C-alpha atoms as a PDB file:
ATOM      1  CA  MET A   1     155.919 199.426 171.007  1.00  0.00           C
ATOM      2  CA  ASN A   2     157.162 198.057 174.346  1.00  0.00           C
ATOM      3  CA  LEU A   3     155.550 195.320 176.439  1.00  0.00           C
ATOM      4  CA  GLN A   4     153.842 197.839 178.698  1.00  0.00           C
ATOM      5  CA  LYS A   5     152.134 199.476 175.710  1.00  0.00           C
ATOM      6  CA  ALA A   6     151.152 196.095 174.266  1.00  0.00           C
ATOM      7  CA  TYR A   7     149.580 195.186 177.605  1.00  0.00           C
ATOM      8  CA  LEU A   8     147.768 198.531 177.766  1.00  0.00           C
ATOM      9  CA  SER A   9     146.463 197.973 174.230  1.00  0.00           C
ATOM     10  CA  LEU A  10     144.906 194.635 175.175  1.00  0.00           C
ATOM     11  CA  ILE A  11     143.350 196.093 178.337  1.00  0.00           C
ATOM     12  CA  PHE A  12     142.041 199.083 176.351  1.00  0.00           C
ATOM     13  CA  SER A  13     140.423 196.831 173.743  1.00  0.00           C
ATOM     14  CA  THR A  14     138.696 194.729 176.398  1.00  0.00           C
ATOM     15  CA  LEU A  15     137.460 197.681 178.459  1.00  0.00           C
ATOM     16  CA  THR A  16     136.088 199.586 175.485  1.00  0.00           C
ATOM     17  CA  ILE A  17     134.121 196.573 174.311  1.00  0.00           C
ATOM     18  CA  VAL A  18     132.627 196.016 177.759  1.00  0.00           C
ATOM     19  CA  SER A  19     131.813 199.691 178.275  1.00  0.00           C
ATOM     20  CA  CYS A  20     130.162 200.017 174.892  1.00  0.00           C
ATOM     21  CA  GLN A  21     128.012 196.952 175.486  1.00  0.00           C
ATOM     22  CA  VAL A  22     126.398 198.688 178.471  1.00  0.00           C
ATOM     23  CA  GLY A  23     123.382 200.775 177.584  1.00  0.00           C
ATOM     24  CA  ARG A  24     123.343 199.849 173.918  1.00  0.00           C
ATOM     25  CA  PRO A  25     120.145 200.824 172.114  1.00  0.00           C
ATOM     26  CA  THR A  26     117.554 198.140 171.562  1.00  0.00           C
ATOM     27  CA  ALA A  27     116.803 197.107 168.018  1.00  0.00           C
ATOM     28  CA  SER A  28     113.412 198.867 168.154  1.00  0.00           C
ATOM     29  CA  LYS A  29     115.080 202.275 168.452  1.00  0.00           C
ATOM     30  CA  THR A  30     116.973 202.022 165.195  1.00  0.00           C
ATOM     31  CA  GLU A  31     114.920 199.510 163.217  1.00  0.00           C
ATOM     32  CA  ASN A  32     113.967 200.920 159.805  1.00  0.00           C
ATOM     33  CA  LYS A  33     112.285 199.339 156.842  1.00  0.00           C
ATOM     34  CA  ALA A  34     114.337 199.281 153.645  1.00  0.00           C
ATOM     35  CA  SER A  35     111.724 201.475 151.969  1.00  0.00           C
ATOM     36  CA  GLU A  36     111.872 204.197 154.632  1.00  0.00           C
ATOM     37  CA  GLN A  37     112.631 207.654 153.316  1.00  0.00           C
ATOM     38  CA  ILE A  38     114.336 210.493 155.175  1.00  0.00           C
ATOM     39  CA  SER A  39     112.947 213.937 154.441  1.00  0.00           C
ATOM     40  CA  ASN A  40     115.593 216.545 153.689  1.00  0.00           C
ATOM     41  CA  PRO A  41     118.524 214.105 153.928  1.00  0.00           C
ATOM     42  CA  THR A  42     121.875 215.563 154.999  1.00  0.00           C
ATOM     43  CA  ASN A  43     123.988 212.786 153.474  1.00  0.00           C
ATOM     44  CA  LYS A  44     127.258 213.958 151.945  1.00  0.00           C
ATOM     45  CA  VAL A  45     130.170 212.241 150.220  1.00  0.00           C
ATOM     46  CA  LEU A  46     133.761 213.453 149.945  1.00  0.00           C
ATOM     47  CA  LEU A  47     135.996 211.527 147.549  1.00  0.00           C
ATOM     48  CA  ARG A  48     139.714 211.312 148.283  1.00  0.00           C
ATOM     49  CA  SER A  49     140.339 212.790 144.842  1.00  0.00           C
ATOM     50  CA  GLU A  50     138.420 215.924 145.935  1.00  0.00           C
ATOM     51  CA  ILE A  51     140.530 216.556 149.049  1.00  0.00           C
ATOM     52  CA  LYS A  52     142.738 219.644 148.983  1.00  0.00           C
ATOM     53  CA  TRP A  53     146.258 219.062 150.311  1.00  0.00           C
ATOM     54  CA  GLU A  54     148.565 221.460 152.141  1.00  0.00           C
ATOM     55  CA  LYS A  55     151.623 221.255 154.394  1.00  0.00           C
ATOM     56  CA  LEU A  56     150.860 219.733 157.790  1.00  0.00           C
ATOM     57  CA  ASN A  57     153.823 221.516 159.400  1.00  0.00           C
ATOM     58  CA  PRO A  58     154.830 224.471 157.187  1.00  0.00           C
ATOM     59  CA  ALA A  59     157.895 225.150 159.368  1.00  0.00           C
ATOM     60  CA  ARG A  60     159.522 222.033 157.866  1.00  0.00           C
ATOM     61  CA  GLY A  61     159.115 223.236 154.306  1.00  0.00           C
ATOM     62  CA  ASP A  62     159.391 220.475 151.705  1.00  0.00           C
ATOM     63  CA  GLN A  63     160.082 217.953 154.489  1.00  0.00           C
ATOM     64  CA  SER A  64     156.572 218.408 155.877  1.00  0.00           C
ATOM     65  CA  PRO A  65     153.900 215.720 155.505  1.00  0.00           C
ATOM     66  CA  GLN A  66     150.786 216.732 153.575  1.00  0.00           C
ATOM     67  CA  ALA A  67     147.381 217.216 155.200  1.00  0.00           C
ATOM     68  CA  GLY A  68     143.891 217.163 153.705  1.00  0.00           C
ATOM     69  CA  THR A  69     140.779 218.077 155.704  1.00  0.00           C
ATOM     70  CA  VAL A  70     137.919 215.572 155.813  1.00  0.00           C
ATOM     71  CA  TRP A  71     135.764 217.430 158.356  1.00  0.00           C
ATOM     72  CA  GLY A  72     136.251 220.389 160.694  1.00  0.00           C
ATOM     73  CA  ASP A  73     139.280 222.690 160.723  1.00  0.00           C
ATOM     74  CA  ARG A  74     142.539 221.633 162.349  1.00  0.00           C
ATOM     75  CA  LYS A  75     143.562 225.320 162.606  1.00  0.00           C
ATOM     76  CA  GLY A  76     140.355 226.170 164.484  1.00  0.00           C
ATOM     77  CA  GLU A  77     138.828 225.000 167.762  1.00  0.00           C
ATOM     78  CA  VAL A  78     136.417 222.370 166.460  1.00  0.00           C
ATOM     79  CA  PRO A  79     136.521 218.552 166.239  1.00  0.00           C
ATOM     80  CA  THR A  80     138.466 217.706 163.101  1.00  0.00           C
ATOM     81  CA  GLY A  81     139.421 214.763 160.952  1.00  0.00           C
ATOM     82  CA  PHE A  82     142.130 215.019 158.327  1.00  0.00           C
ATOM     83  CA  LEU A  83     144.283 212.768 156.190  1.00  0.00           C
ATOM     84  CA  ALA A  84     148.039 212.927 156.773  1.00  0.00           C
ATOM     85  CA  LYS A  85     150.249 211.799 153.866  1.00  0.00           C
ATOM     86  CA  PHE A  86     153.900 210.856 154.431  1.00  0.00           C
ATOM     87  CA  ALA A  87     156.685 210.323 151.899  1.00  0.00           C
ATOM     88  CA  ASP A  88     158.505 206.981 151.789  1.00  0.00           C
ATOM     89  CA  GLY A  89     161.297 207.060 154.380  1.00  0.00           C
ATOM     90  CA  PHE A  90     159.812 209.996 156.298  1.00  0.00           C
ATOM     91  CA  SER A  91     160.874 210.324 159.929  1.00  0.00           C
ATOM     92  CA  SER A  92     160.006 213.321 162.057  1.00  0.00           C
ATOM     93  CA  PRO A  93     162.302 214.833 164.655  1.00  0.00           C
ATOM     94  CA  PRO A  94     161.148 214.291 168.273  1.00  0.00           C
ATOM     95  CA  HIS A  95     158.257 216.650 169.004  1.00  0.00           C
ATOM     96  CA  ILE A  96     155.030 217.095 170.959  1.00  0.00           C
ATOM     97  CA  HIS A  97     151.505 218.249 170.159  1.00  0.00           C
ATOM     98  CA  ASN A  98     149.281 220.619 172.071  1.00  0.00           C
ATOM     99  CA  VAL A  99     146.286 218.273 171.662  1.00  0.00           C
ATOM    100  CA  THR A 100     145.747 214.535 171.933  1.00  0.00           C
ATOM    101  CA  TYR A 101     145.001 212.843 168.636  1.00  0.00           C
ATOM    102  CA  ARG A 102     143.733 209.464 167.428  1.00  0.00           C
ATOM    103  CA  ALA A 103     144.798 207.921 164.142  1.00  0.00           C
ATOM    104  CA  VAL A 104     144.116 205.004 161.794  1.00  0.00           C
ATOM    105  CA  VAL A 105     146.550 203.731 159.164  1.00  0.00           C
ATOM    106  CA  ILE A 106     144.964 203.767 155.696  1.00  0.00           C
ATOM    107  CA  LYS A 107     147.928 203.022 153.413  1.00  0.00           C
ATOM    108  CA  GLY A 108     151.562 202.007 153.836  1.00  0.00           C
ATOM    109  CA  SER A 109     153.380 201.377 157.115  1.00  0.00           C
ATOM    110  CA  ILE A 110     153.581 203.896 159.953  1.00  0.00           C
ATOM    111  CA  HIS A 111     155.574 203.912 163.198  1.00  0.00           C
ATOM    112  CA  ASN A 112     154.595 206.218 166.081  1.00  0.00           C
ATOM    113  CA  ASP A 113     156.324 205.880 169.439  1.00  0.00           C
ATOM    114  CA  ASP A 114     158.887 207.242 171.881  1.00  0.00           C
ATOM    115  CA  PRO A 115     162.002 208.647 170.169  1.00  0.00           C
ATOM    116  CA  LYS A 116     164.180 205.756 171.404  1.00  0.00           C
ATOM    117  CA  ALA A 117     161.691 202.942 170.723  1.00  0.00           C
ATOM    118  CA  ALA A 118     162.441 200.304 168.088  1.00  0.00           C
ATOM    119  CA  ASN A 119     160.377 200.570 164.909  1.00  0.00           C
ATOM    120  CA  MET A 120     157.009 198.857 165.163  1.00  0.00           C
ATOM    121  CA  TRP A 121     155.388 199.255 161.767  1.00  0.00           C
ATOM    122  CA  MET A 122     151.599 199.519 161.801  1.00  0.00           C
ATOM    123  CA  LYS A 123     149.742 198.336 158.696  1.00  0.00           C
ATOM    124  CA  PRO A 124     146.381 199.559 157.308  1.00  0.00           C
ATOM    125  CA  GLY A 125     143.585 199.044 159.820  1.00  0.00           C
ATOM    126  CA  SER A 126     145.832 199.709 162.838  1.00  0.00           C
ATOM    127  CA  PHE A 127     144.744 202.317 165.398  1.00  0.00           C
ATOM    128  CA  TRP A 128     146.805 204.487 167.741  1.00  0.00           C
ATOM    129  CA  THR A 129     146.498 207.445 170.081  1.00  0.00           C
ATOM    130  CA  GLN A 130     149.079 210.131 170.859  1.00  0.00           C
ATOM    131  CA  PRO A 131     148.635 212.058 174.140  1.00  0.00           C
ATOM    132  CA  LYS A 132     149.255 215.783 174.121  1.00  0.00           C
ATOM    133  CA  GLY A 133     152.537 216.869 175.640  1.00  0.00           C
ATOM    134  CA  GLU A 134     154.330 213.526 175.113  1.00  0.00           C
ATOM    135  CA  SER A 135     157.560 213.431 173.100  1.00  0.00           C
ATOM    136  CA  HIS A 136     157.408 211.055 170.137  1.00  0.00           C
ATOM    137  CA  ILE A 137     158.411 210.526 166.533  1.00  0.00           C
ATOM    138  CA  THR A 138     156.415 209.438 163.489  1.00  0.00           C
ATOM    139  CA  SER A 139     157.966 207.487 160.601  1.00  0.00           C
ATOM    140  CA  ALA A 140     156.624 205.971 157.399  1.00  0.00           C
ATOM    141  CA  LYS A 141     157.716 203.531 154.731  1.00  0.00           C
ATOM    142  CA  GLY A 142     155.981 202.532 151.553  1.00  0.00           C
ATOM    143  CA  GLU A 143     155.130 203.912 148.138  1.00  0.00           C
ATOM    144  CA  GLU A 144     152.046 205.630 149.601  1.00  0.00           C
ATOM    145  CA  ASN A 145     151.586 206.288 153.332  1.00  0.00           C
ATOM    146  CA  ILE A 146     148.323 207.788 154.581  1.00  0.00           C
ATOM    147  CA  ALA A 147     146.652 207.975 158.001  1.00  0.00           C
ATOM    148  CA  LEU A 148     143.369 209.407 159.210  1.00  0.00           C
ATOM    149  CA  VAL A 149     144.038 211.740 162.154  1.00  0.00           C
ATOM    150  CA  GLU A 150     141.285 213.172 164.357  1.00  0.00           C
ATOM    151  CA  ILE A 151     141.216 215.634 167.239  1.00  0.00           C
ATOM    152  CA  ASP A 152     138.391 216.674 169.566  1.00  0.00           C
ATOM    153  CA  LYS A 153     139.419 220.325 169.558  1.00  0.00           C
ATOM    154  CA  GLY A 154     141.988 222.348 167.659  1.00  0.00           C
ATOM    155  CA  PRO A 155     144.166 223.950 166.724  1.00  0.00           C
ATOM    156  CA  TYR A 156     146.571 221.099 165.955  1.00  0.00           C
ATOM    157  CA  LEU A 157     150.118 222.321 166.560  1.00  0.00           C
ATOM    158  CA  VAL A 158     153.617 220.828 166.477  1.00  0.00           C
ATOM    159  CA  GLN A 159     155.798 221.981 169.389  1.00  0.00           C
ATOM    160  CA  PRO A 160     159.404 221.356 170.570  1.00  0.00           C
ATOM    161  CA  ILE A 161     160.226 218.594 173.071  1.00  0.00           C
ATOM    162  CA  GLU A 162     161.536 221.202 175.511  1.00  0.00           C
ATOM    163  CA  GLU A 163     157.863 221.887 176.234  1.00  0.00           C
ATOM    164  CA  ALA A 164     157.030 218.204 176.892  1.00  0.00           C
ATOM    165  CA  TYR A 165     154.883 217.290 179.895  1.00  0.00           C
ATOM    166  CA  ASP A 166     152.863 214.366 181.258  1.00  0.00           C
ATOM    167  CA  ASN A 167     149.134 215.046 181.131  1.00  0.00           C
ATOM    168  CA  GLY A 168     148.238 211.658 182.639  1.00  0.00           C
ATOM    169  CA  GLU A 169     147.161 209.978 179.395  1.00  0.00           C
ATOM    170  CA  ARG A 170     149.006 206.975 177.967  1.00  0.00           C
ATOM    171  CA  PRO A 171     149.454 206.143 174.279  1.00  0.00           C
ATOM    172  CA  ILE A 172     147.652 203.182 172.769  1.00  0.00           C
ATOM    173  CA  ASN A 173     148.864 201.214 169.742  1.00  0.00           C
ATOM    174  CA  ILE A 174     146.520 198.511 168.421  1.00  0.00           C
ATOM    175  CA  ASP A 175     147.901 196.586 165.470  1.00  0.00           C
ATOM    176  CA  VAL A 176     145.349 195.469 162.890  1.00  0.00           C
ATOM    177  CA  SER A 177     145.980 191.857 163.959  1.00  0.00           C
ATOM    178  CA  ASN A 178     144.918 192.699 167.550  1.00  0.00           C
ATOM    179  CA  VAL A 179     141.579 194.359 166.789  1.00  0.00           C
ATOM    180  CA  VAL A 180     138.748 192.532 168.609  1.00  0.00           C
ATOM    181  CA  TRP A 181     135.655 192.025 166.453  1.00  0.00           C
ATOM    182  CA  LEU A 182     132.017 191.483 167.482  1.00  0.00           C
ATOM    183  CA  ASP A 183     129.433 189.832 165.234  1.00  0.00           C
ATOM    184  CA  SER A 184     125.622 190.098 165.289  1.00  0.00           C
ATOM    185  CA  LYS A 185     125.442 187.522 168.093  1.00  0.00           C
ATOM    186  CA  LYS A 186     127.456 189.770 170.394  1.00  0.00           C
ATOM    187  CA  SER A 187     126.269 193.243 169.401  1.00  0.00           C
ATOM    188  CA  ASN A 188     122.742 194.453 168.621  1.00  0.00           C
ATOM    189  CA  TRP A 189     124.186 197.329 166.598  1.00  0.00           C
ATOM    190  CA  MET A 190     123.798 194.864 163.714  1.00  0.00           C
ATOM    191  CA  LYS A 191     120.676 193.077 162.531  1.00  0.00           C
ATOM    192  CA  THR A 192     120.387 189.405 163.380  1.00  0.00           C
ATOM    193  CA  ASN A 193     122.385 187.233 160.980  1.00  0.00           C
ATOM    194  CA  SER A 194     124.197 190.245 159.521  1.00  0.00           C
ATOM    195  CA  LYS A 195     127.601 189.287 158.156  1.00  0.00           C
ATOM    196  CA  ALA A 196     129.075 192.641 159.162  1.00  0.00           C
ATOM    197  CA  LYS A 197     131.338 193.011 162.205  1.00  0.00           C
ATOM    198  CA  ILE A 198     132.033 195.881 164.595  1.00  0.00           C
ATOM    199  CA  SER A 199     134.828 196.912 166.951  1.00  0.00           C
ATOM    200  CA  PHE A 200     134.451 199.683 169.545  1.00  0.00           C
ATOM    201  CA  LEU A 201     137.626 201.781 169.861  1.00  0.00           C
ATOM    202  CA  TRP A 202     136.873 204.726 172.157  1.00  0.00           C
ATOM    203  CA  GLU A 203     134.124 206.722 173.847  1.00  0.00           C
ATOM    204  CA  ALA A 204     134.342 210.256 175.263  1.00  0.00           C
ATOM    205  CA  ASN A 205     132.135 213.342 175.618  1.00  0.00           C
ATOM    206  CA  ASP A 206     129.037 211.565 174.260  1.00  0.00           C
ATOM    207  CA  GLU A 207     130.881 210.553 171.094  1.00  0.00           C
ATOM    208  CA  LYS A 208     132.440 207.251 170.114  1.00  0.00           C
ATOM    209  CA  GLY A 209     134.742 205.796 167.492  1.00  0.00           C
ATOM    210  CA  LEU A 210     134.446 202.342 165.965  1.00  0.00           C
ATOM    211  CA  PHE A 211     135.453 200.112 163.088  1.00  0.00           C
ATOM    212  CA  VAL A 212     132.842 198.452 160.878  1.00  0.00           C
ATOM    213  CA  LYS A 213     133.815 195.595 158.587  1.00  0.00           C
ATOM    214  CA  LEU A 214     131.515 194.858 155.635  1.00  0.00           C
ATOM    215  CA  PRO A 215     131.958 191.466 153.928  1.00  0.00           C
ATOM    216  CA  LYS A 216     132.648 190.924 150.255  1.00  0.00           C
ATOM    217  CA  GLY A 217     129.410 191.208 148.274  1.00  0.00           C
ATOM    218  CA  TYR A 218     127.670 193.305 150.940  1.00  0.00           C
ATOM    219  CA  HIS A 219     124.463 195.071 149.881  1.00  0.00           C
ATOM    220  CA  GLY A 220     122.593 196.928 152.604  1.00  0.00           C
ATOM    221  CA  SER A 221     122.654 200.103 154.634  1.00  0.00           C
ATOM    222  CA  ILE A 222     123.835 201.760 157.813  1.00  0.00           C
ATOM    223  CA  LYS A 223     121.129 203.711 159.628  1.00  0.00           C
ATOM    224  CA  THR A 224     122.358 206.526 161.857  1.00  0.00           C
ATOM    225  CA  GLU A 225     120.676 208.665 164.525  1.00  0.00           C
ATOM    226  CA  GLY A 226     123.326 211.187 165.587  1.00  0.00           C
ATOM    227  CA  THR A 227     123.856 214.837 164.773  1.00  0.00           C
ATOM    228  CA  VAL A 228     127.525 213.914 164.355  1.00  0.00           C
ATOM    229  CA  PHE A 229     128.342 211.163 161.872  1.00  0.00           C
ATOM    230  CA  HIS A 230     131.550 210.777 159.891  1.00  0.00           C
ATOM    231  CA  SER A 231     132.701 207.592 158.194  1.00  0.00           C
ATOM    232  CA  VAL A 232     136.001 207.129 156.350  1.00  0.00           C
ATOM    233  CA  VAL A 233     136.841 204.185 154.098  1.00  0.00           C
ATOM    234  CA  ILE A 234     140.019 202.630 155.513  1.00  0.00           C
ATOM    235  CA  GLN A 235     140.292 199.645 153.171  1.00  0.00           C
ATOM    236  CA  GLY A 236     138.453 198.449 150.089  1.00  0.00           C
ATOM    237  CA  GLU A 237     136.107 200.121 147.603  1.00  0.00           C
ATOM    238  CA  LEU A 238     132.583 201.094 148.568  1.00  0.00           C
ATOM    239  CA  HIS A 239     129.570 202.019 146.417  1.00  0.00           C
ATOM    240  CA  TYR A 240     127.443 204.701 148.096  1.00  0.00           C
ATOM    241  CA  THR A 241     124.033 205.740 146.755  1.00  0.00           C
ATOM    242  CA  LEU A 242     123.140 209.339 147.579  1.00  0.00           C
ATOM    243  CA  PRO A 243     119.515 210.203 148.287  1.00  0.00           C
ATOM    244  CA  PRO A 244     117.276 211.549 146.909  1.00  0.00           C
ATOM    245  CA  ASN A 245     118.654 211.477 143.338  1.00  0.00           C
ATOM    246  CA  GLN A 246     120.042 207.918 143.701  1.00  0.00           C
ATOM    247  CA  VAL A 247     123.439 208.846 142.251  1.00  0.00           C
ATOM    248  CA  THR A 248     126.030 206.204 143.147  1.00  0.00           C
ATOM    249  CA  LYS A 249     129.542 207.269 144.094  1.00  0.00           C
ATOM    250  CA  VAL A 250     132.543 204.941 144.256  1.00  0.00           C
ATOM    251  CA  LEU A 251     134.551 205.559 147.429  1.00  0.00           C
ATOM    252  CA  ASP A 252     138.136 204.335 147.595  1.00  0.00           C
ATOM    253  CA  ALA A 253     140.329 204.310 150.720  1.00  0.00           C
ATOM    254  CA  GLY A 254     140.452 207.817 152.203  1.00  0.00           C
ATOM    255  CA  SER A 255     137.025 208.809 150.856  1.00  0.00           C
ATOM    256  CA  SER A 256     134.249 209.542 153.341  1.00  0.00           C
ATOM    257  CA  PHE A 257     130.523 210.014 153.871  1.00  0.00           C
ATOM    258  CA  SER A 258     128.684 211.939 156.575  1.00  0.00           C
ATOM    259  CA  ALA A 259     125.347 213.224 157.907  1.00  0.00           C
ATOM    260  CA  THR A 260     124.137 215.762 160.470  1.00  0.00           C
ATOM    261  CA  SER A 261     120.790 214.191 161.359  1.00  0.00           C
ATOM    262  CA  LYS A 262     118.980 210.866 161.163  1.00  0.00           C
ATOM    263  CA  ALA A 263     120.075 209.188 157.934  1.00  0.00           C
ATOM    264  CA  ILE A 264     120.114 206.008 155.876  1.00  0.00           C
ATOM    265  CA  HIS A 265     123.367 205.249 154.051  1.00  0.00           C
ATOM    266  CA  PRO A 266     122.844 202.710 151.199  1.00  0.00           C
ATOM    267  CA  LEU A 267     126.081 200.772 150.693  1.00  0.00           C
ATOM    268  CA  SER A 268     127.437 197.925 148.607  1.00  0.00           C
ATOM    269  CA  ASN A 269     130.734 196.385 147.612  1.00  0.00           C
ATOM    270  CA  LEU A 270     131.487 193.786 144.997  1.00  0.00           C
ATOM    271  CA  ASN A 271     134.900 192.206 145.060  1.00  0.00           C
ATOM    272  CA  GLN A 272     136.479 192.871 148.430  1.00  0.00           C
ATOM    273  CA  GLU A 273     135.897 193.369 152.123  1.00  0.00           C
ATOM    274  CA  VAL A 274     135.497 197.008 153.222  1.00  0.00           C
ATOM    275  CA  LEU A 275     136.727 198.509 156.492  1.00  0.00           C
ATOM    276  CA  LEU A 276     135.150 201.741 157.757  1.00  0.00           C
ATOM    277  CA  TYR A 277     136.084 204.036 160.609  1.00  0.00           C
ATOM    278  CA  ILE A 278     133.079 205.803 162.154  1.00  0.00           C
ATOM    279  CA  ARG A 279     132.829 208.729 164.566  1.00  0.00           C
ATOM    280  CA  THR A 280     129.346 209.536 165.879  1.00  0.00           C
ATOM    281  CA  ASN A 281     127.358 210.843 168.836  1.00  0.00           C
ATOM    282  CA  GLY A 282     124.395 208.566 168.181  1.00  0.00           C
ATOM    283  CA  SER A 283     123.489 204.950 167.658  1.00  0.00           C
ATOM    284  CA  ILE A 284     123.798 203.080 164.368  1.00  0.00           C
ATOM    285  CA  LYS A 285     122.175 199.992 162.910  1.00  0.00           C
ATOM    286  CA  ILE A 286     123.891 197.859 160.273  1.00  0.00           C
ATOM    287  CA  ASP A 287     121.851 195.621 157.933  1.00  0.00           C
END
């Protein structure tokens, strides 16, 4: 990543935090007692072990990365999130996409940049965007390399660089070490004295994306209001209790939970910090 992109990343981080602070919901709008029950809960869990994998770019045959749908349909015209899995040493030829995508590194090391750029390996917890029409390559190194990729509308296609164009967007690469975190003193999306932290990444078309960091030994819940809510475990191991039968699922990195209406998500972790990526069109409240 060149100096211009590094500068843009810092500006992007600052602007998104400021913009998301404006008009935040007051605590009274999302305050719920621990004993509150949601009738007809829509909570769902998808374990990484349950994801079905297929070739991301069938035209490359055995050289293609693997893709596993988390929500939506990348071959359709709906918002979609999927896991992309790359072999150690993978490097794509220069190419473009017909849609802009956002991505978060879950495992391994991933490089995504202009074809002539020096390798800048992003570790788990790093976030990047790739504008549609821009020529780039993607590389990976590590025993296991996985990223969460999301698009606002499909289908997701790989196209030749001869069709490259500038749509006015600029790529953003935010290394995990450059993520800016807010605590409960700086964001009322968390209860007072909560040990959780939050980082706002993007906002568009009434939806937003953010990181949530839950400390070691966390035991609480995330309360959500939106009709769109998807959360993917990026790092750590999370215990999720499904209502109403109170069955607890263990979610490793790449697993996810979701809801399509107002919901309470009971969460806990024991031995390590947990990092979540969340996409939603509503407010949330973290205990």
